[in-house]
N, C-alpha and C. Protein backbone atom coordinates (compact mmCIF):
# COMPACT_ATOMS: atom_id res chain seq x y z
N MET A 1 -18.33 49.69 16.55
CA MET A 1 -18.27 48.38 15.57
C MET A 1 -19.23 48.81 14.57
N SER A 2 -19.59 49.11 13.84
CA SER A 2 -20.97 49.18 13.31
C SER A 2 -21.25 46.72 13.04
N PRO A 3 -23.21 47.01 13.13
CA PRO A 3 -23.35 45.51 13.09
C PRO A 3 -22.55 44.72 11.57
N LYS A 4 -22.73 45.25 11.00
CA LYS A 4 -22.08 44.47 9.29
C LYS A 4 -20.33 44.39 9.31
N LEU A 5 -20.01 45.26 10.81
CA LEU A 5 -18.51 44.77 10.48
C LEU A 5 -18.55 43.29 11.94
N LYS A 6 -19.32 43.38 12.15
CA LYS A 6 -19.17 42.53 13.74
C LYS A 6 -19.75 41.10 12.71
N PHE A 7 -20.29 41.54 12.26
CA PHE A 7 -21.06 40.25 12.09
C PHE A 7 -19.41 39.32 10.53
N LYS A 8 -19.09 39.94 10.02
CA LYS A 8 -17.47 40.42 8.79
C LYS A 8 -16.85 39.46 10.47
N VAL A 9 -16.56 40.09 11.43
CA VAL A 9 -15.44 39.45 12.03
C VAL A 9 -16.02 38.34 11.93
N PHE A 10 -16.51 38.51 13.04
CA PHE A 10 -17.49 36.29 12.95
C PHE A 10 -17.63 35.17 12.28
N ALA A 11 -18.23 35.94 10.85
CA ALA A 11 -18.11 35.07 9.88
C ALA A 11 -16.96 34.30 9.31
N SER A 12 -15.97 35.50 9.88
CA SER A 12 -14.65 35.06 9.18
C SER A 12 -13.79 33.99 10.75
N ARG A 13 -13.69 34.24 11.20
CA ARG A 13 -13.60 33.38 12.73
C ARG A 13 -14.24 32.24 12.09
N LEU A 14 -15.22 32.79 11.78
CA LEU A 14 -15.63 30.96 12.20
C LEU A 14 -15.37 30.59 11.06
N LEU A 15 -14.95 30.31 9.74
CA LEU A 15 -14.83 29.74 8.91
C LEU A 15 -13.28 29.39 9.25
N ARG A 16 -12.47 29.99 9.46
CA ARG A 16 -10.66 29.90 10.23
C ARG A 16 -11.12 28.62 10.97
N TYR A 17 -11.86 29.31 12.39
CA TYR A 17 -12.24 27.23 13.31
C TYR A 17 -13.01 26.26 11.96
N PHE A 18 -13.46 26.33 11.48
CA PHE A 18 -14.09 25.05 10.45
C PHE A 18 -13.30 24.85 10.17
N PHE A 19 -12.09 25.64 8.95
CA PHE A 19 -11.07 24.33 8.60
C PHE A 19 -10.42 24.27 9.21
N GLN A 20 -9.78 24.82 10.42
CA GLN A 20 -9.36 23.74 11.27
C GLN A 20 -9.78 23.10 12.16
N GLY A 21 -10.23 22.73 12.44
CA GLY A 21 -11.18 21.43 12.59
C GLY A 21 -11.18 20.64 11.24
N LEU A 22 -11.25 21.17 10.16
CA LEU A 22 -11.76 20.27 9.91
C LEU A 22 -10.28 20.30 9.47
N LEU A 23 -8.76 20.64 9.51
CA LEU A 23 -7.50 19.60 9.43
C LEU A 23 -7.88 18.92 10.70
N ILE A 24 -7.68 19.39 11.33
CA ILE A 24 -7.85 18.18 12.44
C ILE A 24 -8.40 16.73 12.30
N LEU A 25 -9.36 16.92 12.08
CA LEU A 25 -10.40 15.77 12.13
C LEU A 25 -10.81 15.03 11.07
N ALA A 26 -10.80 15.46 9.51
CA ALA A 26 -10.42 14.64 8.56
C ALA A 26 -9.49 13.78 8.75
N PRO A 27 -8.16 13.46 8.66
CA PRO A 27 -7.15 12.77 8.72
C PRO A 27 -7.59 11.71 10.00
N ILE A 28 -7.93 11.96 10.77
CA ILE A 28 -8.40 11.53 12.12
C ILE A 28 -9.55 10.42 11.22
N GLY A 29 -10.54 11.35 10.34
CA GLY A 29 -12.17 10.15 10.59
C GLY A 29 -11.39 9.31 8.99
N ILE A 30 -10.62 9.66 8.60
CA ILE A 30 -10.17 9.43 7.17
C ILE A 30 -9.66 8.10 7.23
N THR A 31 -8.33 8.08 8.74
CA THR A 31 -7.87 6.34 8.61
C THR A 31 -8.79 6.02 9.56
N ALA A 32 -9.72 6.79 10.80
CA ALA A 32 -10.62 5.82 10.83
C ALA A 32 -11.88 4.72 10.30
N LEU A 33 -12.64 5.90 9.05
CA LEU A 33 -12.89 5.21 7.73
C LEU A 33 -11.96 3.79 7.70
N THR A 34 -10.43 4.02 7.26
CA THR A 34 -10.11 3.36 5.79
C THR A 34 -9.87 1.95 6.96
N LEU A 35 -10.05 2.25 8.33
CA LEU A 35 -9.41 1.15 9.62
C LEU A 35 -10.31 0.41 9.29
N TYR A 36 -11.67 0.75 9.04
CA TYR A 36 -12.75 0.33 10.37
C TYR A 36 -13.12 -0.73 8.37
N TRP A 37 -13.43 0.00 7.26
CA TRP A 37 -13.97 -0.99 6.24
C TRP A 37 -12.29 -2.18 6.82
N ALA A 38 -12.01 -1.84 6.34
CA ALA A 38 -10.53 -3.51 6.36
C ALA A 38 -11.01 -4.35 7.06
N PHE A 39 -11.73 -3.35 8.82
CA PHE A 39 -11.81 -4.72 9.65
C PHE A 39 -13.14 -4.90 8.87
N VAL A 40 -14.39 -4.31 9.48
CA VAL A 40 -16.03 -5.68 8.46
C VAL A 40 -15.59 -6.06 6.97
N THR A 41 -14.39 -5.14 6.00
CA THR A 41 -14.57 -6.03 4.93
C THR A 41 -13.91 -8.16 5.35
N ILE A 42 -12.58 -8.04 6.53
CA ILE A 42 -12.27 -9.12 6.75
C ILE A 42 -12.90 -9.69 6.83
N ASP A 43 -13.41 -8.93 8.26
CA ASP A 43 -15.13 -9.62 9.38
C ASP A 43 -16.04 -10.41 9.24
N ASN A 44 -16.63 -9.84 7.25
CA ASN A 44 -17.38 -10.44 6.42
C ASN A 44 -16.97 -11.96 5.52
N ILE A 45 -15.83 -11.26 5.92
CA ILE A 45 -15.45 -13.37 4.84
C ILE A 45 -16.49 -14.22 5.18
N ILE A 46 -16.35 -14.36 5.88
CA ILE A 46 -17.53 -15.63 6.43
C ILE A 46 -18.50 -15.37 6.38
N PRO A 47 -19.61 -15.30 5.46
CA PRO A 47 -21.00 -15.45 5.00
C PRO A 47 -21.99 -15.15 6.13
N LYS A 48 -22.39 -14.39 7.08
CA LYS A 48 -23.01 -14.45 7.89
C LYS A 48 -24.73 -15.32 7.35
N GLU A 49 -25.02 -15.07 6.31
CA GLU A 49 -26.33 -15.80 6.12
C GLU A 49 -26.16 -17.37 5.99
N ILE A 50 -24.77 -18.52 6.36
CA ILE A 50 -24.93 -19.67 6.14
C ILE A 50 -24.77 -20.17 6.88
N ILE A 51 -24.58 -19.11 7.80
CA ILE A 51 -23.83 -19.92 9.31
C ILE A 51 -24.98 -20.52 10.72
N PRO A 52 -25.81 -21.27 11.07
CA PRO A 52 -26.85 -21.44 11.34
C PRO A 52 -26.85 -20.34 13.07
N ALA A 53 -28.52 -20.50 12.91
CA ALA A 53 -28.74 -19.50 14.02
C ALA A 53 -28.80 -19.46 15.15
N ASN A 54 -29.05 -21.51 15.27
CA ASN A 54 -28.56 -21.75 16.66
C ASN A 54 -28.03 -23.01 16.43
N GLY A 55 -26.36 -23.06 17.17
CA GLY A 55 -25.62 -24.40 17.13
C GLY A 55 -24.34 -24.38 17.43
N SER A 56 -23.37 -25.15 17.74
CA SER A 56 -22.10 -25.22 17.93
C SER A 56 -21.13 -23.58 17.00
N TYR A 57 -21.81 -23.48 16.01
CA TYR A 57 -21.08 -22.76 15.01
C TYR A 57 -21.38 -20.53 15.59
N SER A 58 -23.13 -20.32 15.73
CA SER A 58 -23.86 -19.31 16.30
C SER A 58 -22.76 -18.86 16.50
N PHE A 59 -21.95 -19.00 17.43
CA PHE A 59 -20.58 -17.40 17.44
C PHE A 59 -19.87 -17.14 15.94
N LEU A 60 -19.93 -17.14 15.20
CA LEU A 60 -19.35 -16.48 14.34
C LEU A 60 -19.68 -15.21 13.81
N LYS A 61 -20.92 -15.96 14.25
CA LYS A 61 -22.07 -14.38 14.23
C LYS A 61 -21.92 -13.51 14.75
N TYR A 62 -20.51 -13.28 15.88
CA TYR A 62 -21.09 -11.62 16.32
C TYR A 62 -19.36 -11.11 15.52
N LYS A 63 -19.90 -9.78 16.44
CA LYS A 63 -18.31 -8.99 15.54
C LYS A 63 -17.55 -9.07 15.94
N GLY A 64 -15.84 -9.04 15.24
CA GLY A 64 -14.75 -9.51 15.14
C GLY A 64 -14.33 -10.33 15.47
N VAL A 65 -15.25 -12.18 15.07
CA VAL A 65 -15.47 -13.07 15.19
C VAL A 65 -14.69 -13.90 13.75
N GLY A 66 -15.23 -12.96 12.76
CA GLY A 66 -14.18 -13.39 11.47
C GLY A 66 -13.56 -13.16 11.76
N PHE A 67 -11.96 -11.63 11.98
CA PHE A 67 -11.79 -10.77 12.03
C PHE A 67 -10.35 -11.83 12.32
N ALA A 68 -10.39 -11.86 13.28
CA ALA A 68 -9.98 -12.68 14.75
C ALA A 68 -9.29 -13.87 14.24
N LEU A 69 -10.61 -15.17 13.80
CA LEU A 69 -10.11 -16.01 13.31
C LEU A 69 -8.44 -15.94 11.02
N VAL A 70 -9.23 -15.44 10.80
CA VAL A 70 -8.19 -14.26 9.49
C VAL A 70 -7.07 -14.52 9.43
N LEU A 71 -7.02 -13.74 10.18
CA LEU A 71 -5.56 -13.54 11.90
C LEU A 71 -5.11 -14.08 11.55
N ILE A 72 -5.50 -15.25 12.68
CA ILE A 72 -5.20 -16.70 13.22
C ILE A 72 -4.90 -17.87 12.63
N LEU A 73 -5.72 -17.43 11.14
CA LEU A 73 -5.56 -18.53 9.87
C LEU A 73 -3.94 -18.22 9.17
N VAL A 74 -4.26 -16.35 8.47
CA VAL A 74 -2.64 -16.19 7.92
C VAL A 74 -1.60 -16.44 9.12
N VAL A 75 -1.39 -16.46 10.60
CA VAL A 75 -0.25 -16.80 11.47
C VAL A 75 0.23 -17.72 11.51
N VAL A 76 -1.56 -18.83 11.15
CA VAL A 76 -1.16 -20.44 11.53
C VAL A 76 -0.32 -21.19 9.86
N VAL A 77 -0.35 -20.44 8.91
CA VAL A 77 -0.40 -20.62 7.36
C VAL A 77 1.13 -19.81 8.11
N GLY A 78 1.73 -19.22 8.29
CA GLY A 78 2.67 -18.33 8.52
C GLY A 78 3.75 -19.70 9.55
N TYR A 79 3.21 -20.07 10.18
CA TYR A 79 3.76 -21.52 11.03
C TYR A 79 4.41 -22.41 10.48
N LEU A 80 3.28 -23.06 9.67
CA LEU A 80 3.06 -24.18 9.49
C LEU A 80 4.55 -24.07 7.92
N SER A 81 4.36 -23.04 7.38
CA SER A 81 5.23 -22.65 6.63
C SER A 81 5.87 -22.86 6.36
N SER A 82 6.97 -22.26 7.98
CA SER A 82 8.27 -22.34 8.88
C SER A 82 8.52 -23.87 8.29
N SER A 83 8.07 -24.93 8.75
CA SER A 83 8.16 -26.34 8.89
C SER A 83 8.89 -26.87 6.79
N PHE A 84 9.50 -27.34 7.81
CA PHE A 84 10.30 -28.44 6.65
C PHE A 84 8.77 -29.20 5.55
N ILE A 85 8.44 -30.07 6.40
CA ILE A 85 7.46 -30.01 5.37
C ILE A 85 6.39 -30.21 4.22
N ILE A 86 5.54 -29.69 5.64
CA ILE A 86 4.18 -28.57 5.18
C ILE A 86 4.85 -27.33 4.29
N GLY A 87 6.16 -26.92 4.62
CA GLY A 87 7.10 -25.67 3.57
C GLY A 87 6.87 -25.66 2.09
N ARG A 88 6.93 -27.30 2.10
CA ARG A 88 7.34 -28.05 0.70
C ARG A 88 6.11 -27.99 0.03
N ILE A 89 5.02 -28.90 0.90
CA ILE A 89 3.65 -29.17 0.03
C ILE A 89 3.42 -27.27 -0.63
N PHE A 90 3.22 -26.59 0.13
CA PHE A 90 3.11 -25.22 0.03
C PHE A 90 3.90 -24.20 -1.92
N ASP A 91 5.02 -24.83 -1.16
CA ASP A 91 5.87 -24.66 -2.25
C ASP A 91 5.26 -25.56 -3.24
N LEU A 92 5.03 -26.22 -3.45
CA LEU A 92 4.57 -27.17 -4.54
C LEU A 92 2.85 -26.82 -4.93
N PHE A 93 1.93 -26.22 -4.13
CA PHE A 93 1.19 -25.36 -4.77
C PHE A 93 0.89 -24.31 -5.27
N ASP A 94 2.29 -23.43 -4.84
CA ASP A 94 2.51 -21.98 -5.55
C ASP A 94 3.56 -22.27 -6.63
N HIS A 95 4.20 -23.54 -6.87
CA HIS A 95 5.06 -24.08 -8.30
C HIS A 95 3.12 -24.61 -9.50
N LEU A 96 2.67 -24.68 -9.20
CA LEU A 96 1.04 -25.53 -9.32
C LEU A 96 0.90 -24.38 -10.10
N LEU A 97 0.19 -23.17 -9.33
CA LEU A 97 -0.59 -22.23 -9.45
C LEU A 97 0.04 -21.01 -11.09
N GLU A 98 1.77 -21.34 -10.27
CA GLU A 98 2.27 -20.43 -11.49
C GLU A 98 2.81 -21.27 -12.68
N ARG A 99 2.30 -21.97 -13.01
CA ARG A 99 2.34 -22.72 -13.91
C ARG A 99 0.86 -23.41 -14.43
N THR A 100 0.19 -22.68 -13.53
CA THR A 100 -0.82 -23.22 -14.44
C THR A 100 -2.01 -21.61 -15.73
N PRO A 101 -1.84 -22.41 -17.04
CA PRO A 101 -2.23 -21.15 -17.71
C PRO A 101 -3.74 -19.88 -17.29
N PHE A 102 -3.42 -18.78 -17.91
CA PHE A 102 -4.56 -17.76 -17.21
C PHE A 102 -3.93 -17.18 -15.43
N ILE A 103 -4.03 -18.16 -14.72
CA ILE A 103 -4.58 -18.02 -13.47
C ILE A 103 -2.61 -17.78 -12.81
N LYS A 104 -1.61 -17.77 -13.56
CA LYS A 104 -0.91 -17.88 -13.34
C LYS A 104 0.15 -15.99 -13.46
N TYR A 105 -1.08 -15.93 -14.35
CA TYR A 105 -0.23 -14.38 -14.18
C TYR A 105 -1.34 -13.56 -12.42
N ILE A 106 -2.19 -13.58 -12.61
CA ILE A 106 -3.14 -13.36 -12.38
C ILE A 106 -2.20 -12.77 -10.37
N TYR A 107 -1.79 -14.55 -10.22
CA TYR A 107 -1.04 -14.92 -9.28
C TYR A 107 0.00 -14.76 -8.67
N THR A 108 0.44 -14.42 -9.95
CA THR A 108 1.96 -13.77 -9.68
C THR A 108 2.26 -12.35 -9.85
N SER A 109 1.15 -11.53 -10.33
CA SER A 109 1.35 -10.09 -10.75
C SER A 109 1.44 -9.84 -8.45
N ILE A 110 0.13 -10.74 -8.07
CA ILE A 110 -0.60 -9.91 -7.29
C ILE A 110 0.73 -10.92 -6.19
N LYS A 111 1.29 -12.19 -6.25
CA LYS A 111 2.26 -12.35 -5.29
C LYS A 111 3.66 -11.78 -5.12
N ASP A 112 3.94 -10.83 -6.62
CA ASP A 112 4.70 -10.64 -6.99
C ASP A 112 5.00 -8.81 -5.41
N VAL A 113 4.14 -8.07 -6.09
CA VAL A 113 3.23 -7.20 -5.26
C VAL A 113 3.87 -7.22 -3.94
N PHE A 114 2.75 -8.61 -3.19
CA PHE A 114 2.55 -8.06 -2.00
C PHE A 114 4.72 -8.82 -0.97
N ASP A 115 5.22 -9.48 -2.21
CA ASP A 115 6.56 -9.52 -2.09
C ASP A 115 7.22 -8.40 -2.19
N ALA A 116 7.23 -7.50 -3.57
CA ALA A 116 7.86 -5.84 -2.85
C ALA A 116 7.58 -5.38 -1.58
N PHE A 117 6.76 -5.26 -0.88
CA PHE A 117 6.55 -4.89 0.08
C PHE A 117 6.81 -5.29 1.64
N VAL A 118 6.50 -6.59 1.40
CA VAL A 118 6.59 -7.59 3.15
C VAL A 118 7.54 -8.87 2.70
N GLY A 119 7.56 -8.34 1.36
CA GLY A 119 8.76 -10.36 1.20
C GLY A 119 10.03 -10.00 1.94
N GLU A 120 10.82 -11.47 1.51
CA GLU A 120 12.35 -10.68 1.60
C GLU A 120 13.28 -10.46 0.18
N LYS A 121 12.19 -10.21 -0.81
CA LYS A 121 12.96 -9.19 -1.25
C LYS A 121 12.16 -8.31 -1.74
N LYS A 122 13.11 -7.63 -0.90
CA LYS A 122 11.63 -6.39 -1.25
C LYS A 122 11.98 -5.32 -1.91
N LYS A 123 11.07 -4.38 -3.13
CA LYS A 123 11.84 -4.07 -3.64
C LYS A 123 11.64 -2.21 -3.62
N PHE A 124 10.29 -1.82 -2.48
CA PHE A 124 10.18 -0.23 -2.13
C PHE A 124 11.58 0.01 -1.49
N ASP A 125 12.47 -0.05 -1.37
CA ASP A 125 13.88 0.11 -0.08
C ASP A 125 14.74 1.17 -0.73
N HIS A 126 14.20 1.24 -2.54
CA HIS A 126 15.73 1.78 -2.63
C HIS A 126 15.33 3.07 -3.44
N PRO A 127 15.23 4.54 -2.46
CA PRO A 127 14.43 5.40 -3.03
C PRO A 127 16.16 6.47 -3.94
N VAL A 128 14.65 6.56 -5.42
CA VAL A 128 16.15 7.44 -5.74
C VAL A 128 15.65 8.98 -6.72
N LEU A 129 16.03 10.36 -7.16
CA LEU A 129 15.40 10.81 -7.63
C LEU A 129 16.14 10.91 -9.07
N VAL A 130 14.99 11.09 -10.14
CA VAL A 130 15.37 9.79 -11.59
C VAL A 130 14.99 10.47 -12.80
N GLN A 131 15.84 11.48 -13.51
CA GLN A 131 14.94 12.58 -14.62
C GLN A 131 14.38 12.34 -16.02
N ILE A 132 13.29 12.09 -16.17
CA ILE A 132 12.60 11.55 -16.73
C ILE A 132 12.12 12.64 -17.96
N TYR A 133 11.44 14.07 -17.76
CA TYR A 133 11.10 14.17 -18.08
C TYR A 133 12.39 15.97 -18.52
N GLY A 134 13.25 16.12 -17.59
CA GLY A 134 13.99 16.86 -18.25
C GLY A 134 15.28 17.16 -17.73
N ILE A 135 16.52 17.88 -18.27
CA ILE A 135 17.12 17.25 -17.64
C ILE A 135 17.63 18.42 -16.26
N ASP A 136 16.09 19.46 -15.60
CA ASP A 136 16.43 19.93 -14.72
C ASP A 136 15.34 19.18 -14.36
N VAL A 137 14.09 18.89 -14.09
CA VAL A 137 13.29 18.19 -13.69
C VAL A 137 13.51 16.89 -12.44
N TRP A 138 13.29 16.20 -12.05
CA TRP A 138 13.17 14.99 -10.74
C TRP A 138 11.94 14.38 -10.20
N GLU A 139 12.33 13.23 -9.85
CA GLU A 139 10.72 12.54 -9.37
C GLU A 139 11.58 11.95 -9.08
N MET A 140 10.18 11.82 -8.10
CA MET A 140 11.28 11.01 -6.79
C MET A 140 10.81 9.31 -7.12
N GLY A 141 11.32 8.66 -6.40
CA GLY A 141 10.59 6.90 -7.65
C GLY A 141 11.40 6.01 -6.82
N PHE A 142 11.24 4.75 -6.75
CA PHE A 142 11.77 3.66 -6.63
C PHE A 142 12.47 2.14 -6.99
N ILE A 143 13.91 2.32 -7.54
CA ILE A 143 14.62 1.14 -7.90
C ILE A 143 13.65 -0.49 -8.24
N THR A 144 13.14 -1.63 -9.30
CA THR A 144 12.20 -2.26 -9.02
C THR A 144 13.72 -3.36 -9.40
N GLN A 145 14.57 -2.64 -10.39
CA GLN A 145 15.50 -3.84 -10.93
C GLN A 145 16.52 -2.92 -11.78
N THR A 146 17.86 -3.01 -11.13
CA THR A 146 18.93 -2.67 -11.57
C THR A 146 19.12 -2.69 -12.69
N ASP A 147 18.63 -4.11 -13.49
CA ASP A 147 19.13 -4.32 -15.10
C ASP A 147 17.94 -5.16 -15.60
N VAL A 148 17.87 -4.13 -16.42
CA VAL A 148 17.16 -4.43 -17.94
C VAL A 148 17.46 -4.77 -18.78
N SER A 149 18.88 -5.96 -19.25
CA SER A 149 19.32 -6.57 -20.25
C SER A 149 17.88 -6.77 -20.96
N SER A 150 17.51 -8.09 -20.04
CA SER A 150 16.67 -8.78 -21.16
C SER A 150 15.49 -8.66 -21.28
N LEU A 151 15.28 -6.48 -21.32
CA LEU A 151 14.21 -6.12 -22.81
C LEU A 151 15.57 -6.13 -23.95
N GLY A 152 16.44 -6.12 -23.38
CA GLY A 152 17.31 -5.55 -24.48
C GLY A 152 17.71 -3.36 -24.69
N MET A 153 17.67 -3.99 -23.07
CA MET A 153 18.04 -2.15 -23.22
C MET A 153 19.28 -2.30 -21.99
N GLU A 154 20.55 -1.62 -22.48
CA GLU A 154 21.89 -2.38 -22.19
C GLU A 154 22.12 -0.95 -21.65
N GLY A 155 22.07 -1.20 -19.58
CA GLY A 155 22.88 0.01 -19.16
C GLY A 155 21.23 1.10 -18.57
N TYR A 156 20.19 0.44 -18.60
CA TYR A 156 18.98 0.47 -18.25
C TYR A 156 19.10 0.43 -16.69
N MET A 157 17.51 0.79 -16.53
CA MET A 157 17.00 0.24 -14.83
C MET A 157 16.49 0.51 -14.83
N ALA A 158 15.29 0.04 -13.86
CA ALA A 158 13.27 -0.11 -13.94
C ALA A 158 13.51 0.96 -12.32
N VAL A 159 12.71 1.95 -12.90
CA VAL A 159 12.08 2.80 -11.28
C VAL A 159 10.70 3.51 -11.46
N TYR A 160 10.63 2.45 -10.17
CA TYR A 160 8.81 3.17 -10.03
C TYR A 160 8.77 4.37 -10.10
N VAL A 161 7.73 4.84 -9.73
CA VAL A 161 7.21 7.00 -9.80
C VAL A 161 5.57 6.81 -8.97
N PRO A 162 5.98 6.80 -7.66
CA PRO A 162 4.46 6.83 -6.89
C PRO A 162 3.33 7.89 -7.74
N HIS A 163 2.33 8.05 -7.70
CA HIS A 163 1.18 9.14 -7.89
C HIS A 163 1.56 9.97 -6.65
N ALA A 164 1.17 10.73 -6.67
CA ALA A 164 0.22 11.63 -5.45
C ALA A 164 -0.97 11.90 -5.18
N TYR A 165 -1.21 11.08 -3.46
CA TYR A 165 -2.71 11.15 -3.50
C TYR A 165 -2.81 10.04 -4.19
N ALA A 166 -2.40 9.10 -4.59
CA ALA A 166 -3.72 7.76 -5.33
C ALA A 166 -1.97 6.88 -4.63
N ILE A 167 -2.45 4.81 -4.79
CA ILE A 167 -2.05 3.76 -5.44
C ILE A 167 -1.67 3.06 -5.92
N THR A 168 -1.24 4.63 -6.75
CA THR A 168 -1.03 4.14 -8.16
C THR A 168 0.20 4.40 -8.62
N GLY A 169 0.54 4.53 -10.01
CA GLY A 169 2.25 4.75 -10.26
C GLY A 169 2.26 3.78 -11.96
N LYS A 170 3.69 4.42 -11.86
CA LYS A 170 4.39 4.33 -13.85
C LYS A 170 5.33 3.37 -13.69
N VAL A 171 5.74 3.16 -14.00
CA VAL A 171 7.29 1.96 -14.00
C VAL A 171 7.57 3.09 -15.56
N PHE A 172 9.31 3.60 -15.51
CA PHE A 172 10.22 4.31 -16.54
C PHE A 172 11.45 3.67 -16.32
N ILE A 173 11.65 3.17 -17.67
CA ILE A 173 12.54 2.54 -18.08
C ILE A 173 13.70 3.33 -18.41
N VAL A 174 14.79 4.19 -17.96
CA VAL A 174 15.61 5.49 -17.59
C VAL A 174 17.51 4.34 -17.39
N PRO A 175 17.82 5.61 -18.44
CA PRO A 175 19.60 5.28 -18.26
C PRO A 175 19.73 5.55 -16.98
N LYS A 176 21.21 4.58 -16.65
CA LYS A 176 21.01 4.36 -14.45
C LYS A 176 22.31 5.97 -14.54
N GLU A 177 22.18 6.54 -15.34
CA GLU A 177 22.88 8.03 -15.41
C GLU A 177 22.04 8.71 -14.58
N ARG A 178 21.41 8.02 -15.88
CA ARG A 178 20.05 9.49 -15.17
C ARG A 178 19.17 9.12 -13.71
N VAL A 179 19.40 8.09 -12.79
CA VAL A 179 19.45 8.17 -11.14
C VAL A 179 20.01 7.95 -10.61
N LYS A 180 19.46 8.65 -9.35
CA LYS A 180 20.48 9.28 -8.59
C LYS A 180 19.91 8.50 -6.78
N PRO A 181 20.41 7.50 -6.80
CA PRO A 181 20.13 7.72 -4.79
C PRO A 181 20.27 8.44 -3.94
N LEU A 182 19.18 8.57 -2.92
CA LEU A 182 18.38 8.66 -1.25
C LEU A 182 19.21 8.54 -0.80
N GLU A 183 20.60 8.68 0.21
CA GLU A 183 20.79 7.72 0.86
C GLU A 183 20.84 8.35 2.32
N ASN A 184 20.34 9.68 2.48
CA ASN A 184 19.65 10.97 4.07
C ASN A 184 18.28 10.75 4.04
N ILE A 185 17.53 9.85 3.04
CA ILE A 185 15.84 9.87 3.74
C ILE A 185 16.05 8.03 3.84
N SER A 186 15.24 6.88 4.85
CA SER A 186 14.45 6.37 4.91
C SER A 186 12.92 6.22 3.61
N ALA A 187 13.48 4.64 2.90
CA ALA A 187 12.30 4.42 1.71
C ALA A 187 10.40 4.49 2.03
N GLY A 188 11.03 4.69 3.72
CA GLY A 188 9.58 4.89 4.27
C GLY A 188 9.08 6.39 4.47
N GLU A 189 10.19 7.70 4.04
CA GLU A 189 9.66 8.92 4.03
C GLU A 189 9.16 9.10 3.28
N ALA A 190 10.46 8.69 1.84
CA ALA A 190 10.11 8.71 0.40
C ALA A 190 8.90 8.37 -0.26
N MET A 191 8.57 7.76 0.42
CA MET A 191 7.13 6.91 -0.43
C MET A 191 5.66 7.86 0.54
N LYS A 192 5.98 8.63 1.73
CA LYS A 192 5.39 9.60 2.18
C LYS A 192 4.86 10.79 0.95
N PHE A 193 6.45 10.80 1.27
CA PHE A 193 6.73 12.85 0.71
C PHE A 193 6.01 12.26 -0.92
N ALA A 194 6.24 11.40 -2.46
CA ALA A 194 6.55 11.21 -2.97
C ALA A 194 4.96 11.36 -3.69
N VAL A 195 3.77 10.94 -2.44
CA VAL A 195 2.62 10.81 -1.91
C VAL A 195 1.48 11.50 -1.61
N SER A 196 2.18 12.43 -0.40
CA SER A 196 1.53 13.48 -0.01
C SER A 196 1.87 14.20 -1.46
N GLY A 197 2.54 14.57 -3.09
CA GLY A 197 2.67 15.52 -3.26
C GLY A 197 3.44 16.24 -3.05
N GLY A 198 4.27 16.40 -2.00
CA GLY A 198 6.03 16.96 -1.43
C GLY A 198 5.45 17.87 -0.60
N VAL A 199 4.30 17.60 0.33
CA VAL A 199 4.00 17.97 1.67
C VAL A 199 4.73 18.05 2.59
N THR A 200 4.53 16.91 2.89
CA THR A 200 5.11 15.97 3.58
C THR A 200 6.62 16.63 3.81
N ASN A 201 7.26 17.43 5.47
CA ASN A 201 8.80 17.20 5.36
C ASN A 201 9.19 15.75 5.46
N ILE A 202 10.39 16.33 5.14
CA ILE A 202 11.47 14.77 5.53
C ILE A 202 12.65 15.57 6.64
């Protein structure tokens, strides 16, 4: 084998090993960076600049303390909200924010999104196939409203279709007969399939 051919074989193997390594390390690295970003963001909710260097609160400067305090706060608020009296106070505050001009649009939108994912009224748990652009073209989505007659659209429903490789999506108002429920897969599998662009096996 000539030196030129040997070099081509070596370069080809090197390139193949590079992409194999990238295929293994990229998902791990991106996942680790995302978790690290979330950790640092939550940990820095308490600005370190306002914490005295010496004193009883100096322990707040250590890494991870802010993150732990936020987790404890979330658990404590969740626990307190389950009691009758404190729960009524939270409900009153919730009602006040929902009635405050301008603030109510931001607050209710964020609240509805969180409620759709982790609340008692989960919205993204009804995966469907929906015809939008043509009779033989199907998109994977999730029913968010089974009845949109309040919009003057009798016999229609709201379907959220996520974008591939993104956290965004679109809401389509479509006739009910153009929606096909997916009974054989879970909502999580449907979301992975849609967001991954269809490359994830179901």
